């Protein structure tokens, strides 16, 4: 099987799983990217929008919309950087922290609904994890843009 077919299968699995998760979390009023960002912000003082764009594999305009929605919902705040007045720091609010706690409970509920790896034996899971780790490390060495 060629690399495009393999990555196609991997992509289909990833998208199917993300769609299912998005449906399950939809009642919480947050997207998967917002959940990921809230969890990261809960572990640090702040992030810059450029850092967030890198974390979310998103462009700056997309991050601007995500942050605007999260600010509107009271989950994050934007504060001008004291060292560089042109930059903003994004930090989590108390409401955002409460949301992270609620999401942890929701994650337990969702994990109990379906295990995507239940089709694998223990040895197959271990092998799959090792192979994905190996691929991930290899892809980290992709040539940089010209």
N, C-alpha and C. Protein backbone atom coordinates (compact mmCIF):
# COMPACT_ATOMS: atom_id res chain seq x y z
N UNK A 1 0.86 -1.18 0.00
CA UNK A 1 0.00 0.00 0.00
C UNK A 1 0.90 1.23 0.00
N UNK A 2 0.59 2.21 -0.85
CA UNK A 2 1.45 3.39 -0.93
C UNK A 2 1.16 4.36 0.21
N UNK A 3 2.06 5.35 0.34
CA UNK A 3 1.95 6.28 1.48
C UNK A 3 0.66 7.10 1.44
N UNK A 4 0.18 7.48 0.26
CA UNK A 4 -1.07 8.25 0.20
C UNK A 4 -2.25 7.42 0.69
N UNK A 5 -2.28 6.15 0.35
CA UNK A 5 -3.36 5.29 0.81
C UNK A 5 -3.29 5.10 2.32
N UNK A 6 -2.08 4.92 2.84
CA UNK A 6 -1.93 4.75 4.29
C UNK A 6 -2.33 6.01 5.05
N UNK A 7 -1.85 7.16 4.57
CA UNK A 7 -2.23 8.41 5.25
C UNK A 7 -3.71 8.70 5.05
N UNK A 8 -4.28 8.28 3.93
CA UNK A 8 -5.71 8.43 3.73
C UNK A 8 -6.49 7.65 4.77
N UNK A 9 -6.08 6.40 5.02
CA UNK A 9 -6.75 5.59 6.04
C UNK A 9 -6.57 6.20 7.43
N UNK A 10 -5.36 6.65 7.72
CA UNK A 10 -5.09 7.28 9.01
C UNK A 10 -5.94 8.55 9.16
N UNK A 11 -6.02 9.35 8.10
CA UNK A 11 -6.83 10.56 8.13
C UNK A 11 -8.30 10.27 8.32
N UNK A 12 -8.81 9.24 7.63
CA UNK A 12 -10.22 8.87 7.79
C UNK A 12 -10.52 8.45 9.22
N UNK A 13 -9.64 7.67 9.81
CA UNK A 13 -9.82 7.25 11.21
C UNK A 13 -9.83 8.47 12.13
N UNK A 14 -8.88 9.36 11.93
CA UNK A 14 -8.77 10.56 12.75
C UNK A 14 -10.04 11.41 12.62
N UNK A 15 -10.49 11.65 11.39
CA UNK A 15 -11.66 12.49 11.19
C UNK A 15 -12.93 11.86 11.76
N UNK A 16 -13.08 10.56 11.61
CA UNK A 16 -14.25 9.88 12.17
C UNK A 16 -14.27 10.03 13.69
N UNK A 17 -13.12 9.85 14.31
CA UNK A 17 -13.02 9.98 15.76
C UNK A 17 -13.29 11.41 16.20
N UNK A 18 -12.70 12.41 15.51
CA UNK A 18 -12.91 13.82 15.86
C UNK A 18 -14.38 14.21 15.72
N UNK A 19 -15.03 13.74 14.67
CA UNK A 19 -16.45 14.06 14.49
C UNK A 19 -17.28 13.48 15.62
N UNK A 20 -16.99 12.27 15.99
CA UNK A 20 -17.73 11.64 17.09
C UNK A 20 -17.51 12.42 18.39
N UNK A 21 -16.24 12.74 18.68
CA UNK A 21 -15.94 13.51 19.89
C UNK A 21 -16.64 14.86 19.87
N UNK A 22 -16.59 15.54 18.74
CA UNK A 22 -17.23 16.86 18.64
C UNK A 22 -18.72 16.77 18.94
N UNK A 23 -19.38 15.73 18.44
CA UNK A 23 -20.81 15.55 18.73
C UNK A 23 -21.02 15.31 20.23
N UNK A 24 -20.19 14.49 20.82
CA UNK A 24 -20.35 14.18 22.25
C UNK A 24 -20.11 15.39 23.14
N UNK A 25 -19.15 16.24 22.76
CA UNK A 25 -18.84 17.42 23.57
C UNK A 25 -19.73 18.62 23.23
N UNK A 26 -20.52 18.54 22.18
CA UNK A 26 -21.29 19.70 21.72
C UNK A 26 -22.21 20.25 22.82
N UNK A 27 -22.73 19.41 23.69
CA UNK A 27 -23.61 19.88 24.76
C UNK A 27 -22.87 20.77 25.76
N UNK A 28 -21.55 20.69 25.76
CA UNK A 28 -20.75 21.51 26.68
C UNK A 28 -20.54 22.93 26.15
N UNK A 29 -20.90 23.16 24.89
CA UNK A 29 -20.79 24.51 24.33
C UNK A 29 -19.38 24.92 23.96
N UNK A 30 -18.50 23.95 23.78
CA UNK A 30 -17.12 24.25 23.37
C UNK A 30 -16.70 23.29 22.26
N UNK A 31 -15.75 23.76 21.47
CA UNK A 31 -15.21 22.92 20.40
C UNK A 31 -14.00 22.15 20.93
N UNK A 32 -13.55 21.18 20.17
CA UNK A 32 -12.38 20.40 20.58
C UNK A 32 -11.13 21.29 20.67
N UNK A 33 -10.99 22.23 19.76
CA UNK A 33 -9.84 23.14 19.83
C UNK A 33 -9.92 24.00 21.09
N UNK A 34 -11.11 24.45 21.45
CA UNK A 34 -11.28 25.24 22.67
C UNK A 34 -10.96 24.40 23.90
N UNK A 35 -11.38 23.15 23.90
CA UNK A 35 -11.07 22.27 25.03
C UNK A 35 -9.56 22.12 25.18
N UNK A 36 -8.89 21.83 24.07
CA UNK A 36 -7.44 21.67 24.10
C UNK A 36 -6.77 22.95 24.63
N UNK A 37 -7.21 24.09 24.14
CA UNK A 37 -6.62 25.36 24.57
C UNK A 37 -6.88 25.63 26.05
N UNK A 38 -8.10 25.40 26.51
CA UNK A 38 -8.40 25.60 27.93
C UNK A 38 -7.52 24.73 28.81
N UNK A 39 -7.34 23.47 28.41
CA UNK A 39 -6.50 22.57 29.20
C UNK A 39 -5.06 23.07 29.24
N UNK A 40 -4.56 23.59 28.14
CA UNK A 40 -3.19 24.13 28.12
C UNK A 40 -3.09 25.40 28.96
N UNK A 41 -4.06 26.30 28.82
CA UNK A 41 -4.03 27.55 29.58
C UNK A 41 -4.15 27.30 31.08
N UNK A 42 -4.83 26.24 31.46
CA UNK A 42 -4.98 25.92 32.89
C UNK A 42 -3.64 25.53 33.51
N UNK A 43 -2.66 25.20 32.69
CA UNK A 43 -1.35 24.76 33.18
C UNK A 43 -0.27 25.83 33.11
N UNK A 44 -0.62 27.03 32.62
CA UNK A 44 0.38 28.09 32.51
C UNK A 44 -0.26 29.44 32.81
N UNK A 45 0.56 30.45 32.96
CA UNK A 45 0.04 31.79 33.26
C UNK A 45 -0.67 32.41 32.06
N UNK A 46 -0.07 32.26 30.88
CA UNK A 46 -0.64 32.85 29.68
C UNK A 46 0.06 32.27 28.45
N UNK A 47 -0.57 32.51 27.31
CA UNK A 47 0.02 32.18 26.01
C UNK A 47 -0.22 33.37 25.09
N UNK A 48 0.66 33.53 24.12
CA UNK A 48 0.46 34.53 23.09
C UNK A 48 -0.36 33.92 21.95
N UNK A 49 -1.12 34.75 21.23
CA UNK A 49 -1.90 34.22 20.11
C UNK A 49 -1.04 33.43 19.10
N UNK A 50 0.17 33.85 18.86
CA UNK A 50 1.04 33.12 17.93
C UNK A 50 1.36 31.72 18.46
N UNK A 51 1.54 31.61 19.78
CA UNK A 51 1.78 30.30 20.39
C UNK A 51 0.53 29.42 20.24
N UNK A 52 -0.61 30.04 20.42
CA UNK A 52 -1.88 29.30 20.31
C UNK A 52 -2.08 28.81 18.88
N UNK A 53 -1.75 29.64 17.91
CA UNK A 53 -1.86 29.23 16.51
C UNK A 53 -1.00 27.99 16.25
N UNK A 54 0.21 27.99 16.79
CA UNK A 54 1.10 26.83 16.62
C UNK A 54 0.51 25.59 17.31
N UNK A 55 0.01 25.76 18.53
CA UNK A 55 -0.56 24.64 19.28
C UNK A 55 -1.76 24.02 18.57
N UNK A 56 -2.58 24.87 17.97
CA UNK A 56 -3.83 24.40 17.36
C UNK A 56 -3.67 24.08 15.88
N UNK A 57 -2.46 24.26 15.34
CA UNK A 57 -2.24 24.08 13.90
C UNK A 57 -3.26 24.89 13.11
N UNK A 58 -3.41 26.14 13.53
CA UNK A 58 -4.39 27.03 12.91
C UNK A 58 -3.71 28.33 12.50
N UNK A 59 -4.31 29.02 11.52
CA UNK A 59 -3.75 30.31 11.13
C UNK A 59 -4.24 31.39 12.10
N UNK A 60 -3.61 32.55 12.04
CA UNK A 60 -3.92 33.62 12.99
C UNK A 60 -5.38 34.09 12.91
N UNK A 61 -5.97 34.26 11.71
CA UNK A 61 -7.37 34.68 11.68
C UNK A 61 -8.30 33.67 12.36
N UNK A 62 -8.02 32.39 12.20
CA UNK A 62 -8.84 31.36 12.84
C UNK A 62 -8.70 31.46 14.35
N UNK A 63 -7.48 31.66 14.83
CA UNK A 63 -7.24 31.79 16.27
C UNK A 63 -7.95 33.03 16.80
N UNK A 64 -7.96 34.10 16.04
CA UNK A 64 -8.65 35.32 16.46
C UNK A 64 -10.13 35.03 16.70
N UNK A 65 -10.76 34.28 15.81
CA UNK A 65 -12.18 33.94 15.97
C UNK A 65 -12.38 33.04 17.18
N UNK A 66 -11.52 32.05 17.34
CA UNK A 66 -11.62 31.14 18.49
C UNK A 66 -11.52 31.94 19.79
N UNK A 67 -10.52 32.82 19.86
CA UNK A 67 -10.32 33.60 21.09
C UNK A 67 -11.46 34.58 21.32
N UNK A 68 -11.98 35.18 20.28
CA UNK A 68 -13.11 36.11 20.43
C UNK A 68 -14.31 35.37 21.00
N UNK A 69 -14.58 34.18 20.50
CA UNK A 69 -15.71 33.38 21.02
C UNK A 69 -15.48 32.98 22.47
N UNK A 70 -14.26 32.61 22.79
CA UNK A 70 -13.95 32.19 24.17
C UNK A 70 -14.02 33.38 25.12
N UNK A 71 -13.59 34.54 24.65
CA UNK A 71 -13.71 35.75 25.48
C UNK A 71 -15.19 36.08 25.72
N UNK A 72 -15.98 36.01 24.67
CA UNK A 72 -17.42 36.28 24.77
C UNK A 72 -18.07 35.38 25.80
N UNK A 73 -17.61 34.12 25.86
CA UNK A 73 -18.17 33.15 26.80
C UNK A 73 -17.53 33.22 28.18
N UNK A 74 -16.59 34.15 28.37
CA UNK A 74 -15.97 34.35 29.67
C UNK A 74 -14.94 33.30 30.05
N UNK A 75 -14.40 32.57 29.07
CA UNK A 75 -13.47 31.48 29.37
C UNK A 75 -12.02 31.94 29.39
N UNK A 76 -11.70 32.99 28.62
CA UNK A 76 -10.35 33.53 28.57
C UNK A 76 -10.41 35.04 28.61
N UNK A 77 -9.27 35.63 28.93
CA UNK A 77 -9.16 37.09 28.88
C UNK A 77 -7.91 37.45 28.09
N UNK A 78 -7.98 38.59 27.47
CA UNK A 78 -6.88 39.11 26.65
C UNK A 78 -6.34 40.34 27.36
N UNK A 79 -5.05 40.31 27.68
CA UNK A 79 -4.41 41.41 28.40
C UNK A 79 -3.21 41.87 27.60
N UNK A 80 -3.08 43.18 27.44
CA UNK A 80 -1.92 43.72 26.72
C UNK A 80 -0.64 43.37 27.47
N UNK A 81 0.36 42.92 26.74
CA UNK A 81 1.65 42.54 27.32
C UNK A 81 2.35 43.79 27.84
N UNK A 82 2.78 43.76 29.08
CA UNK A 82 3.45 44.90 29.68
C UNK A 82 4.81 45.19 29.08
N UNK A 83 5.46 44.17 28.54
CA UNK A 83 6.79 44.34 27.94
C UNK A 83 6.73 44.79 26.49
N UNK A 84 5.69 44.41 25.79
CA UNK A 84 5.53 44.74 24.37
C UNK A 84 4.07 45.11 24.15
N UNK A 85 3.78 46.38 24.10
CA UNK A 85 2.42 46.88 24.00
C UNK A 85 1.67 46.45 22.75
N UNK A 86 2.38 45.89 21.77
CA UNK A 86 1.72 45.43 20.55
C UNK A 86 1.18 44.02 20.70
N UNK A 87 1.64 43.30 21.73
CA UNK A 87 1.24 41.91 21.92
C UNK A 87 0.20 41.79 23.03
N UNK A 88 -0.55 40.70 22.94
CA UNK A 88 -1.54 40.40 23.97
C UNK A 88 -1.23 39.04 24.57
N UNK A 89 -1.50 38.93 25.86
CA UNK A 89 -1.40 37.65 26.56
C UNK A 89 -2.81 37.10 26.73
N UNK A 90 -2.95 35.82 26.50
CA UNK A 90 -4.23 35.16 26.67
C UNK A 90 -4.13 34.27 27.91
N UNK A 91 -5.04 34.46 28.85
CA UNK A 91 -5.03 33.64 30.06
C UNK A 91 -6.44 33.13 30.34
N UNK A 92 -6.50 32.10 31.13
CA UNK A 92 -7.78 31.47 31.46
C UNK A 92 -8.43 32.24 32.61
N UNK A 93 -9.74 32.31 32.60
CA UNK A 93 -10.50 32.97 33.67
C UNK A 93 -10.95 31.91 34.68
N UNK A 94 -11.54 32.39 35.77
CA UNK A 94 -12.10 31.47 36.76
C UNK A 94 -13.20 30.62 36.11
N UNK A 95 -13.99 31.22 35.25
CA UNK A 95 -15.04 30.48 34.53
C UNK A 95 -14.41 29.42 33.63
N UNK A 96 -13.31 29.77 33.00
CA UNK A 96 -12.59 28.80 32.16
C UNK A 96 -12.08 27.63 32.97
N UNK A 97 -11.59 27.90 34.17
CA UNK A 97 -11.10 26.82 35.05
C UNK A 97 -12.26 25.90 35.47
N UNK A 98 -13.41 26.51 35.76
CA UNK A 98 -14.59 25.69 36.10
C UNK A 98 -14.98 24.81 34.92
N UNK A 99 -14.88 25.36 33.72
CA UNK A 99 -15.21 24.60 32.52
C UNK A 99 -14.26 23.42 32.36
N UNK A 100 -12.97 23.61 32.63
CA UNK A 100 -11.99 22.53 32.53
C UNK A 100 -12.35 21.41 33.50
N UNK A 101 -12.75 21.76 34.70
CA UNK A 101 -13.15 20.74 35.70
C UNK A 101 -14.37 19.97 35.20
N UNK A 102 -15.36 20.69 34.68
CA UNK A 102 -16.55 20.03 34.14
C UNK A 102 -16.23 19.15 32.95
N UNK A 103 -15.29 19.59 32.13
CA UNK A 103 -14.90 18.81 30.96
C UNK A 103 -14.18 17.53 31.36
N UNK A 104 -13.46 17.57 32.46
CA UNK A 104 -12.78 16.35 32.93
C UNK A 104 -13.82 15.28 33.26
N UNK A 105 -14.90 15.69 33.89
CA UNK A 105 -15.99 14.74 34.20
C UNK A 105 -16.65 14.24 32.91
N UNK A 106 -16.86 15.14 31.98
CA UNK A 106 -17.48 14.77 30.71
C UNK A 106 -16.56 13.81 29.94
N UNK A 107 -15.26 14.02 30.03
CA UNK A 107 -14.31 13.13 29.35
C UNK A 107 -14.40 11.71 29.88
N UNK A 108 -14.61 11.57 31.17
CA UNK A 108 -14.78 10.22 31.75
C UNK A 108 -16.03 9.56 31.20
N UNK A 109 -17.11 10.33 31.10
CA UNK A 109 -18.36 9.80 30.56
C UNK A 109 -18.18 9.35 29.11
N UNK A 110 -17.53 10.20 28.32
CA UNK A 110 -17.33 9.91 26.90
C UNK A 110 -16.41 8.70 26.72
N UNK A 111 -15.36 8.62 27.52
CA UNK A 111 -14.43 7.48 27.41
C UNK A 111 -15.14 6.16 27.70
N UNK A 112 -16.13 6.21 28.57
CA UNK A 112 -16.86 4.98 28.91
C UNK A 112 -17.83 4.55 27.79
N UNK A 113 -18.18 5.48 26.91
CA UNK A 113 -19.13 5.17 25.83
C UNK A 113 -18.52 4.30 24.74
N UNK A 114 -17.28 4.59 24.39
CA UNK A 114 -16.69 3.89 23.25
C UNK A 114 -15.17 3.94 23.33
N UNK A 115 -14.55 2.80 23.17
CA UNK A 115 -13.09 2.70 23.11
C UNK A 115 -12.71 2.41 21.66
N UNK A 116 -12.11 3.38 20.97
CA UNK A 116 -11.80 3.16 19.56
C UNK A 116 -10.76 2.07 19.33
N UNK A 117 -10.05 1.70 20.35
CA UNK A 117 -9.00 0.69 20.21
C UNK A 117 -9.43 -0.68 20.72
N UNK A 118 -10.71 -0.83 21.05
CA UNK A 118 -11.19 -2.11 21.55
C UNK A 118 -11.10 -3.22 20.50
N UNK A 119 -10.92 -2.85 19.26
CA UNK A 119 -10.78 -3.85 18.19
C UNK A 119 -9.37 -4.45 18.17
N UNK A 120 -8.46 -3.91 18.98
CA UNK A 120 -7.08 -4.40 19.05
C UNK A 120 -6.86 -5.23 20.31
N UNK A 121 -6.00 -6.21 20.19
CA UNK A 121 -5.54 -6.93 21.38
C UNK A 121 -4.55 -6.03 22.13
N UNK A 122 -4.17 -6.45 23.32
CA UNK A 122 -3.20 -5.68 24.10
C UNK A 122 -1.89 -5.55 23.33
N UNK A 123 -1.43 -6.64 22.73
CA UNK A 123 -0.18 -6.60 21.95
C UNK A 123 -0.32 -5.69 20.73
N UNK A 124 -1.48 -5.75 20.07
CA UNK A 124 -1.70 -4.89 18.90
C UNK A 124 -1.71 -3.41 19.31
N UNK A 125 -2.32 -3.10 20.45
CA UNK A 125 -2.31 -1.72 20.94
C UNK A 125 -0.90 -1.23 21.17
N UNK A 126 -0.11 -2.07 21.83
CA UNK A 126 1.28 -1.73 22.12
C UNK A 126 2.05 -1.50 20.82
N UNK A 127 1.90 -2.41 19.87
CA UNK A 127 2.59 -2.28 18.58
C UNK A 127 2.13 -1.03 17.83
N UNK A 128 0.82 -0.78 17.84
CA UNK A 128 0.27 0.38 17.17
C UNK A 128 0.85 1.67 17.77
N UNK A 129 0.89 1.74 19.09
CA UNK A 129 1.44 2.92 19.77
C UNK A 129 2.92 3.10 19.42
N UNK A 130 3.66 2.02 19.39
CA UNK A 130 5.08 2.10 19.04
C UNK A 130 5.27 2.57 17.61
N UNK A 131 4.48 2.03 16.70
CA UNK A 131 4.60 2.42 15.29
C UNK A 131 4.20 3.88 15.08
N UNK A 132 3.14 4.31 15.73
CA UNK A 132 2.75 5.72 15.61
C UNK A 132 3.81 6.64 16.20
N UNK A 133 4.40 6.25 17.32
CA UNK A 133 5.48 7.03 17.91
C UNK A 133 6.67 7.13 16.98
N UNK A 134 6.99 6.04 16.36
CA UNK A 134 8.10 6.01 15.41
C UNK A 134 7.81 6.93 14.22
N UNK A 135 6.59 6.88 13.69
CA UNK A 135 6.21 7.74 12.58
C UNK A 135 6.23 9.21 13.01
N UNK A 136 5.73 9.48 14.19
CA UNK A 136 5.71 10.85 14.70
C UNK A 136 7.13 11.42 14.80
N UNK A 137 8.05 10.63 15.34
CA UNK A 137 9.44 11.08 15.44
C UNK A 137 10.05 11.30 14.06
N UNK A 138 9.73 10.41 13.14
CA UNK A 138 10.26 10.53 11.78
C UNK A 138 9.72 11.80 11.10
N UNK A 139 8.44 12.07 11.26
CA UNK A 139 7.83 13.23 10.63
C UNK A 139 8.33 14.53 11.25
N UNK A 140 8.83 14.47 12.46
CA UNK A 140 9.41 15.66 13.10
C UNK A 140 10.65 16.12 12.34
N UNK A 141 11.21 15.24 11.52
CA UNK A 141 12.41 15.57 10.74
C UNK A 141 12.08 16.02 9.31
N UNK A 142 10.82 16.35 9.06
CA UNK A 142 10.46 16.81 7.72
C UNK A 142 11.32 18.01 7.34
N UNK A 143 11.73 18.10 6.08
CA UNK A 143 12.52 19.28 5.66
C UNK A 143 11.72 20.55 5.86
N UNK A 144 12.40 21.61 6.23
CA UNK A 144 11.71 22.89 6.43
C UNK A 144 11.33 23.48 5.07
N UNK A 145 10.45 24.47 5.13
CA UNK A 145 10.00 25.11 3.89
C UNK A 145 11.17 25.83 3.23
N UNK A 146 11.06 25.97 1.92
CA UNK A 146 12.10 26.65 1.16
C UNK A 146 11.90 28.11 1.16
